[in-house]
């Protein structure tokens, strides 16, 4: 089971339509690099690729797993202009560039699956409707084509805030508080999320491992209206599994029900006692994903 970090230099599509200075996308590469079954795992809004360590470990004997840090998060570069974080083609361009890079390493056709938590699922949905890319199976954790404005307002209350902590213990307390909707996790899992969310600052305090400017999208959307992406969902034909937290305010029950009837007619699994979002760390959630991808 190999795992290592690579970086890929990709073009930066600016919100004004121009090309800017290119940026690096970091990614973890798990499993056999010759395995033609490749699973891309993409994290949520403020998270990073290390959220998938448990899932990747479970899949790595049967698949190659690519877990990127989305631009502005983890070890990937930060963008100079905060407006570019609200320009969705940036994320799609990064994803398709990474897929093309991985495809170029093979002399045979490969099978591509996508696992996305929250924002990572939205990116996957958009990638899967690209005509030149075939996604075999798509897993969405607690995200769909309608995001209520109330959920956006809630997230805007903490995303991008300049918080810092004296030590990892203080940081973990805060992580447990704002991430309580992830559901019941073990102490080991909370510590894992904490360690890989923490960036040591020059003053020896800890803050989040993402660019605070990623909150730019909330300045544009959080107080306005729901995000409605149904037209894209209806274009989707990929076999899709949706894992919904029963207490989620991001993927509402009625939205999930409609996702079963429209577009790819997704399979929906609802998890009691969990909100936004199932983080795919425990064995039960990992088994759901693994069984779907390997069926």
Protein backbone atom coordinates (compact mmCIF):
# COMPACT_ATOMS: atom_id res chain seq x y z
CA UNK A 1 0.00 0.00 0.00
CA UNK A 2 1.93 2.98 -1.28
CA UNK A 3 0.96 6.53 -0.46
CA UNK A 4 2.78 9.68 -1.40
CA UNK A 5 2.20 13.32 -2.22
CA UNK A 6 2.59 14.66 -5.73
CA UNK A 7 2.07 18.17 -7.10
CA UNK A 8 0.74 19.13 -10.50
CA UNK A 9 1.10 22.59 -12.06
CA UNK A 10 -2.21 23.64 -13.64
CA UNK A 11 -3.46 26.82 -15.37
CA UNK A 12 -5.42 29.36 -13.34
CA UNK A 13 -8.64 30.51 -14.98
CA UNK A 14 -9.42 33.94 -13.58
CA UNK A 15 -12.96 35.17 -13.00
CA UNK A 16 -12.44 37.87 -15.62
CA UNK A 17 -11.75 35.22 -18.25
CA UNK A 18 -7.99 35.76 -18.39
CA UNK A 19 -5.25 33.26 -17.63
CA UNK A 20 -3.23 34.06 -14.52
CA UNK A 21 -0.11 32.62 -12.94
CA UNK A 22 -0.50 28.81 -12.81
CA UNK A 23 -0.88 27.09 -9.46
CA UNK A 24 0.02 23.71 -7.98
CA UNK A 25 -2.50 21.08 -6.97
CA UNK A 26 -1.24 18.61 -4.37
CA UNK A 27 -2.64 15.10 -4.21
CA UNK A 28 -2.16 11.86 -2.32
CA UNK A 29 -1.62 8.80 -4.51
CA UNK A 30 -2.61 5.47 -2.95
CA UNK A 31 -2.36 1.91 -4.22
CA UNK A 32 -0.77 0.42 -7.32
CA UNK A 33 0.01 3.13 -9.87
CA UNK A 34 -0.54 0.55 -12.63
CA UNK A 35 -4.06 -0.34 -11.48
CA UNK A 36 -6.49 0.89 -14.20
CA UNK A 37 -9.37 1.31 -11.73
CA UNK A 38 -8.83 4.85 -10.43
CA UNK A 39 -10.96 6.48 -7.74
CA UNK A 40 -10.78 10.25 -7.28
CA UNK A 41 -11.75 11.33 -3.76
CA UNK A 42 -12.46 15.03 -3.24
CA UNK A 43 -13.11 16.72 0.10
CA UNK A 44 -15.53 19.36 1.36
CA UNK A 45 -15.32 23.14 1.48
CA UNK A 46 -12.82 23.65 4.32
CA UNK A 47 -11.35 20.17 4.48
CA UNK A 48 -8.39 18.48 2.75
CA UNK A 49 -7.28 15.24 1.15
CA UNK A 50 -6.31 13.56 4.43
CA UNK A 51 -10.01 13.13 5.26
CA UNK A 52 -9.84 10.13 2.92
CA UNK A 53 -6.98 8.27 4.61
CA UNK A 54 -9.30 5.65 6.09
CA UNK A 55 -11.29 5.10 2.89
CA UNK A 56 -8.18 5.08 0.70
CA UNK A 57 -6.51 2.53 2.96
CA UNK A 58 -9.56 0.27 2.66
CA UNK A 59 -9.65 0.57 -1.15
CA UNK A 60 -5.94 0.61 -1.97
CA UNK A 61 -5.54 -3.14 -2.47
CA UNK A 62 -8.18 -3.08 -5.23
CA UNK A 63 -7.97 0.43 -6.73
CA UNK A 64 -5.64 3.32 -7.24
CA UNK A 65 -6.91 6.29 -5.24
CA UNK A 66 -6.15 9.93 -6.03
CA UNK A 67 -7.02 12.40 -3.26
CA UNK A 68 -6.34 16.03 -4.19
CA UNK A 69 -6.26 19.11 -2.02
CA UNK A 70 -8.63 21.49 -3.78
CA UNK A 71 -6.96 24.82 -4.60
CA UNK A 72 -6.67 27.01 -1.50
CA UNK A 73 -6.72 24.02 0.82
CA UNK A 74 -4.11 21.75 2.37
CA UNK A 75 -0.84 21.64 0.45
CA UNK A 76 -2.24 23.12 -2.76
CA UNK A 77 -1.44 26.71 -3.66
CA UNK A 78 -3.58 29.66 -2.59
CA UNK A 79 -5.06 31.94 -5.26
CA UNK A 80 -4.04 35.59 -5.30
CA UNK A 81 -7.51 37.00 -5.99
CA UNK A 82 -10.31 35.93 -3.67
CA UNK A 83 -12.89 36.38 -6.46
CA UNK A 84 -11.34 33.45 -8.30
CA UNK A 85 -12.49 31.10 -5.49
CA UNK A 86 -16.04 31.93 -6.52
CA UNK A 87 -15.36 31.19 -10.19
CA UNK A 88 -16.52 27.61 -10.60
CA UNK A 89 -14.60 26.90 -13.84
CA UNK A 90 -11.40 27.07 -11.74
CA UNK A 91 -12.42 23.93 -9.85
CA UNK A 92 -13.61 22.14 -12.98
CA UNK A 93 -10.40 23.01 -14.85
CA UNK A 94 -8.26 21.76 -11.97
CA UNK A 95 -10.20 18.50 -11.82
CA UNK A 96 -10.06 17.81 -15.54
CA UNK A 97 -6.35 18.70 -15.63
CA UNK A 98 -5.65 16.20 -12.84
CA UNK A 99 -7.71 13.50 -14.55
CA UNK A 100 -5.84 14.09 -17.82
CA UNK A 101 -2.53 13.90 -15.97
CA UNK A 102 -3.43 10.55 -14.40
CA UNK A 103 -4.80 9.19 -17.69
CA UNK A 104 -1.55 10.10 -19.43
CA UNK A 105 0.30 7.64 -17.18
CA UNK A 106 -1.50 4.64 -18.71
CA UNK A 107 -1.20 2.91 -22.06
CA UNK A 108 -4.58 1.19 -21.56
CA UNK A 109 -8.06 2.61 -20.91
CA UNK A 110 -8.84 3.27 -17.26
CA UNK A 111 -12.05 3.17 -15.23
CA UNK A 112 -12.67 6.38 -13.29
CA UNK A 113 -14.89 6.64 -10.21
CA UNK A 114 -15.48 9.75 -8.12
CA UNK A 115 -16.19 10.09 -4.40
CA UNK A 116 -17.05 13.60 -3.26
CA UNK A 117 -17.98 14.97 0.13
CA UNK A 118 -20.10 18.13 -0.07
CA UNK A 119 -18.17 20.54 -2.35
CA UNK A 120 -16.17 17.59 -3.70
CA UNK A 121 -19.44 16.03 -4.78
CA UNK A 122 -20.50 19.17 -6.63
CA UNK A 123 -17.20 19.17 -8.51
CA UNK A 124 -17.72 15.49 -9.32
CA UNK A 125 -21.21 16.15 -10.64
CA UNK A 126 -19.89 18.82 -13.00
CA UNK A 127 -16.97 16.64 -14.12
CA UNK A 128 -19.32 13.73 -14.83
CA UNK A 129 -21.34 15.73 -17.36
CA UNK A 130 -18.24 16.76 -19.29
CA UNK A 131 -18.55 15.06 -22.71
CA UNK A 132 -14.89 14.06 -22.96
CA UNK A 133 -14.75 12.40 -19.51
CA UNK A 134 -16.49 9.20 -18.47
CA UNK A 135 -17.11 8.74 -14.76
CA UNK A 136 -18.14 5.13 -14.16
CA UNK A 137 -19.61 5.54 -10.67
CA UNK A 138 -20.23 8.63 -8.57
CA UNK A 139 -20.59 8.80 -4.78
CA UNK A 140 -21.96 12.00 -3.23
CA UNK A 141 -21.81 12.53 0.51
CA UNK A 142 -24.58 14.88 1.59
CA UNK A 143 -24.79 17.12 -1.42
CA UNK A 144 -27.26 17.59 -4.20
CA UNK A 145 -28.43 20.02 -6.87
CA UNK A 146 -30.22 22.31 -4.42
CA UNK A 147 -28.39 23.97 -1.51
CA UNK A 148 -30.69 25.97 0.79
CA UNK A 149 -29.74 29.54 1.60
CA UNK A 150 -30.21 28.78 5.31
CA UNK A 151 -27.34 26.25 5.15
CA UNK A 152 -25.15 28.76 3.33
CA UNK A 153 -25.80 31.32 6.04
CA UNK A 154 -24.84 28.82 8.74
CA UNK A 155 -21.56 27.96 7.04
CA UNK A 156 -20.74 31.61 6.47
CA UNK A 157 -20.64 32.08 10.24
CA UNK A 158 -17.37 30.15 10.56
CA UNK A 159 -15.75 29.69 7.12
CA UNK A 160 -12.76 31.97 6.64
CA UNK A 161 -12.79 33.43 10.15
CA UNK A 162 -9.35 34.34 11.50
CA UNK A 163 -9.34 31.92 14.40
CA UNK A 164 -6.16 30.56 15.96
CA UNK A 165 -5.40 28.32 18.90
CA UNK A 166 -2.57 27.98 21.40
CA UNK A 167 -2.30 24.22 20.99
CA UNK A 168 -3.81 21.20 19.24
CA UNK A 169 -6.04 20.44 22.22
CA UNK A 170 -7.80 23.80 21.89
CA UNK A 171 -8.02 23.31 18.16
CA UNK A 172 -9.55 19.85 18.54
CA UNK A 173 -12.20 21.20 20.90
CA UNK A 174 -13.19 23.72 18.23
CA UNK A 175 -13.13 21.10 15.45
CA UNK A 176 -15.43 18.86 17.49
CA UNK A 177 -17.81 21.77 18.03
CA UNK A 178 -18.16 23.03 14.45
CA UNK A 179 -17.97 19.53 12.96
CA UNK A 180 -20.41 17.85 15.34
CA UNK A 181 -22.80 17.16 12.41
CA UNK A 182 -20.19 14.69 11.09
CA UNK A 183 -21.72 12.34 13.65
CA UNK A 184 -20.18 10.16 16.34
CA UNK A 185 -16.45 9.71 15.72
CA UNK A 186 -13.81 8.03 17.83
CA UNK A 187 -11.16 10.01 19.67
CA UNK A 188 -8.63 8.70 17.15
CA UNK A 189 -10.72 9.96 14.25
CA UNK A 190 -11.24 13.41 15.79
CA UNK A 191 -7.51 13.66 16.40
CA UNK A 192 -6.82 12.62 12.81
CA UNK A 193 -9.11 15.36 11.49
CA UNK A 194 -7.52 17.88 13.87
CA UNK A 195 -3.89 17.11 13.03
CA UNK A 196 -4.48 17.30 9.30
CA UNK A 197 -6.61 20.45 9.56
CA UNK A 198 -3.98 22.39 11.50
CA UNK A 199 -1.51 24.89 10.07
CA UNK A 200 1.27 26.04 12.40
CA UNK A 201 1.63 29.81 12.14
CA UNK A 202 4.79 31.86 12.60
CA UNK A 203 3.63 32.84 16.11
CA UNK A 204 3.41 29.13 17.08
CA UNK A 205 -0.38 29.12 17.16
CA UNK A 206 -2.57 26.90 15.01
CA UNK A 207 -5.15 27.87 12.40
CA UNK A 208 -7.00 26.05 9.65
CA UNK A 209 -5.08 24.60 6.73
CA UNK A 210 -6.93 26.63 4.12
CA UNK A 211 -6.87 30.12 2.65
CA UNK A 212 -9.37 32.33 4.54
CA UNK A 213 -10.21 33.92 1.20
CA UNK A 214 -12.21 30.82 0.21
CA UNK A 215 -15.09 32.50 2.06
CA UNK A 216 -15.43 34.85 -0.92
CA UNK A 217 -18.25 32.75 -2.33
CA UNK A 218 -20.34 33.39 0.77
CA UNK A 219 -19.98 37.13 0.27
CA UNK A 220 -21.70 36.61 -3.06
CA UNK A 221 -24.29 33.96 -2.22
CA UNK A 222 -24.86 33.36 1.47
CA UNK A 223 -27.47 36.03 2.03
CA UNK A 224 -29.20 35.82 -1.34
CA UNK A 225 -30.94 32.62 -2.43
CA UNK A 226 -30.72 28.87 -2.74
CA UNK A 227 -28.11 27.45 -5.12
CA UNK A 228 -30.11 25.63 -7.80
CA UNK A 229 -28.21 23.17 -10.02
CA UNK A 230 -31.07 20.94 -11.13
CA UNK A 231 -30.36 21.59 -14.81
CA UNK A 232 -26.96 19.94 -14.36
CA UNK A 233 -28.35 17.06 -12.33
CA UNK A 234 -30.83 16.32 -15.11
CA UNK A 235 -27.90 16.01 -17.55
CA UNK A 236 -26.18 13.41 -15.38
CA UNK A 237 -26.33 9.75 -16.44
CA UNK A 238 -23.63 8.27 -14.20
CA UNK A 239 -24.56 5.51 -11.75
CA UNK A 240 -24.79 7.47 -8.49
CA UNK A 241 -24.91 6.71 -4.77
CA UNK A 242 -25.97 9.51 -2.43
CA UNK A 243 -25.22 9.20 1.29
CA UNK A 244 -27.36 11.63 3.26
CA UNK A 245 -27.11 12.63 6.90
CA UNK A 246 -30.67 12.39 8.22
CA UNK A 247 -30.22 15.67 10.10
CA UNK A 248 -28.59 17.53 7.22
CA UNK A 249 -29.57 21.12 6.45
CA UNK A 250 -27.59 21.03 3.17
CA UNK A 251 -29.19 18.03 1.47
CA UNK A 252 -32.84 18.19 2.46
CA UNK A 253 -35.04 15.10 2.54
CA UNK A 254 -37.28 16.35 -0.27
CA UNK A 255 -34.24 17.14 -2.44
CA UNK A 256 -32.88 13.62 -1.93
CA UNK A 257 -36.28 12.14 -2.81
CA UNK A 258 -36.35 14.12 -6.04
CA UNK A 259 -32.79 13.00 -6.86
CA UNK A 260 -34.13 9.44 -6.96
CA UNK A 261 -36.62 10.41 -9.67
CA UNK A 262 -34.56 12.76 -11.87
CA UNK A 263 -31.27 12.63 -13.75
CA UNK A 264 -29.34 9.47 -12.87
CA UNK A 265 -32.09 8.33 -10.46
CA UNK A 266 -29.60 7.98 -7.62
CA UNK A 267 -29.59 5.36 -4.93
CA UNK A 268 -30.09 7.15 -1.58
CA UNK A 269 -28.80 5.89 1.77
CA UNK A 270 -29.81 7.89 4.84
CA UNK A 271 -27.77 7.79 8.03
CA UNK A 272 -29.52 8.57 11.34
CA UNK A 273 -27.85 10.81 13.91
CA UNK A 274 -25.66 12.55 11.32
CA UNK A 275 -25.98 15.96 9.69
CA UNK A 276 -23.69 17.59 7.16
CA UNK A 277 -21.76 15.63 6.20
CA UNK A 278 -21.02 11.91 6.55
CA UNK A 279 -17.23 12.08 6.57
CA UNK A 280 -16.60 8.47 5.44
CA UNK A 281 -14.30 7.52 8.29
CA UNK A 282 -16.15 4.71 10.04
CA UNK A 283 -16.32 1.14 8.79
CA UNK A 284 -20.04 1.22 7.97
CA UNK A 285 -19.75 4.26 5.70
CA UNK A 286 -16.56 2.93 4.12
CA UNK A 287 -18.31 -0.38 3.38
CA UNK A 288 -21.18 1.44 1.64
CA UNK A 289 -18.76 3.22 -0.65
CA UNK A 290 -16.57 0.19 -1.25
CA UNK A 291 -19.50 -2.10 -2.05
CA UNK A 292 -20.91 0.43 -4.52
CA UNK A 293 -17.62 1.03 -6.31
CA UNK A 294 -16.62 -2.62 -6.51
CA UNK A 295 -19.98 -4.20 -7.32
